[in-house]
Amino acid sequence: VRGTLLSIAIVTLLYVLANLAYLTVLSVDEISTSQTIVVTFGETLDSFWGTRQSFSSIFAVGVAISTAGSLNGSIMTGGRAFYAIARQGQAPAILTSLTSGGV
C-alpha cells in the first residue's frame, strides 16, 4: 500500500510539473493551436538553446513509450475487471469461466 501511494504521489507531481513547464514556456495561443503540446514545447526549447530537433524528438519518443505502457496496463487488467464483476453477479456468469489450465 505504501509503495502504491508513493507511486501515485510521484506520478501526480511529475504531471503537475510537466504542465507547469508547458504553461511557463508556451503562450496561450501556442497551446490552443498546437496539435501536440509536448512537441511544440520541445521545439521551443530547441530554438531557445539552438539545438536541432533533439528535445522535440526525445519528448515525442517519451510520449510514445508512455502510451505503449498505458495500453499494456489496460490490456492486462481489462479482462480481470470483467471477471471480477461477473464473480459478484453483476455480469453474465459466462465471464467467470476459465480454461482447463486455470487461465
Protein backbone atom coordinates (compact mmCIF):
# COMPACT_ATOMS: atom_id res chain seq x y z
CA VAL A 1 0.00 0.00 0.00
CA ARG A 2 2.81 2.36 0.88
CA GLY A 3 4.52 1.78 -2.48
CA THR A 4 1.27 2.40 -4.32
CA LEU A 5 0.68 5.69 -2.53
CA LEU A 6 4.25 6.78 -3.16
CA SER A 7 3.92 5.89 -6.85
CA ILE A 8 0.70 7.87 -7.15
CA ALA A 9 2.33 10.87 -5.45
CA ILE A 10 5.36 10.75 -7.75
CA VAL A 11 3.29 10.45 -10.94
CA THR A 12 0.99 13.28 -9.80
CA LEU A 13 3.97 15.50 -9.01
CA LEU A 14 5.57 14.80 -12.41
CA TYR A 15 2.27 15.53 -14.17
CA VAL A 16 1.85 18.86 -12.37
CA LEU A 17 5.48 19.84 -13.00
CA ALA A 18 5.21 19.00 -16.71
CA ASN A 19 2.08 21.11 -17.05
CA LEU A 20 3.70 24.00 -15.18
CA ALA A 21 6.66 23.78 -17.57
CA TYR A 22 4.31 23.90 -20.57
CA LEU A 23 2.49 26.92 -19.16
CA THR A 24 5.76 28.68 -18.34
CA VAL A 25 7.40 28.20 -21.74
CA LEU A 26 4.43 28.32 -24.14
CA SER A 27 1.94 31.11 -24.71
CA VAL A 28 -1.80 30.50 -24.54
CA ASP A 29 -2.03 30.87 -28.34
CA GLU A 30 0.68 28.24 -28.85
CA ILE A 31 -1.07 25.84 -26.51
CA SER A 32 -4.50 26.35 -28.10
CA THR A 33 -3.26 25.92 -31.70
CA SER A 34 -0.81 23.06 -31.08
CA GLN A 35 -1.80 19.54 -32.05
CA THR A 36 0.88 18.07 -29.77
CA ILE A 37 1.85 20.36 -26.92
CA VAL A 38 4.89 18.31 -25.90
CA VAL A 39 6.42 18.57 -29.39
CA THR A 40 5.74 22.31 -29.50
CA PHE A 41 7.33 22.57 -26.07
CA GLY A 42 10.38 20.65 -27.32
CA GLU A 43 10.66 22.81 -30.43
CA THR A 44 10.54 25.93 -28.27
CA LEU A 45 13.33 24.57 -26.08
CA ASP A 46 15.32 23.63 -29.19
CA SER A 47 15.05 27.15 -30.59
CA PHE A 48 15.90 28.67 -27.20
CA TRP A 49 19.08 26.63 -26.80
CA GLY A 50 19.92 26.48 -30.51
CA THR A 51 19.73 22.70 -30.78
CA ARG A 52 18.30 20.85 -33.77
CA GLN A 53 15.24 18.70 -33.01
CA SER A 54 16.71 16.95 -30.01
CA PHE A 55 14.20 17.89 -27.32
CA SER A 56 11.12 17.57 -29.51
CA SER A 57 12.22 14.13 -30.76
CA ILE A 58 13.09 12.90 -27.27
CA PHE A 59 9.77 14.13 -25.89
CA ALA A 60 7.83 12.52 -28.77
CA VAL A 61 9.54 9.17 -28.12
CA GLY A 62 8.79 9.55 -24.40
CA VAL A 63 5.09 10.09 -25.14
CA ALA A 64 5.06 7.03 -27.43
CA ILE A 65 6.68 4.85 -24.73
CA SER A 66 4.25 6.14 -22.11
CA THR A 67 1.30 5.43 -24.40
CA ALA A 68 2.54 1.88 -25.05
CA GLY A 69 2.91 1.31 -21.29
CA SER A 70 -0.58 2.58 -20.63
CA LEU A 71 -2.01 0.37 -23.37
CA ASN A 72 -0.18 -2.62 -21.93
CA GLY A 73 -1.66 -1.96 -18.49
CA SER A 74 -5.14 -1.60 -19.92
CA ILE A 75 -4.87 -4.85 -21.85
CA MET A 76 -3.55 -6.75 -18.82
CA THR A 77 -6.21 -5.51 -16.41
CA GLY A 78 -9.22 -5.18 -18.72
CA GLY A 79 -10.16 -8.85 -18.67
CA ARG A 80 -9.71 -9.08 -14.91
CA ALA A 81 -12.27 -6.34 -14.38
CA PHE A 82 -14.96 -8.23 -16.30
CA TYR A 83 -14.07 -11.43 -14.42
CA ALA A 84 -14.39 -9.72 -11.03
CA ILE A 85 -17.68 -8.05 -11.94
CA ALA A 86 -19.11 -11.37 -13.14
CA ARG A 87 -17.96 -13.12 -9.95
CA GLN A 88 -20.00 -10.60 -7.95
CA GLY A 89 -23.06 -11.44 -10.04
CA GLN A 90 -23.25 -8.09 -11.81
CA ALA A 91 -22.41 -9.50 -15.26
CA PRO A 92 -23.16 -12.74 -17.11
CA ALA A 93 -21.69 -15.83 -15.40
CA ILE A 94 -20.01 -16.91 -18.64
CA LEU A 95 -17.38 -14.28 -17.96
CA THR A 96 -16.21 -16.21 -14.87
CA SER A 97 -15.29 -19.34 -16.83
CA LEU A 98 -11.63 -20.32 -17.01
CA THR A 99 -9.77 -22.61 -19.38
CA SER A 100 -8.57 -26.07 -18.35
CA GLY A 101 -5.19 -24.54 -17.47
CA GLY A 102 -6.83 -22.17 -14.99
CA VAL A 103 -6.31 -19.14 -17.18
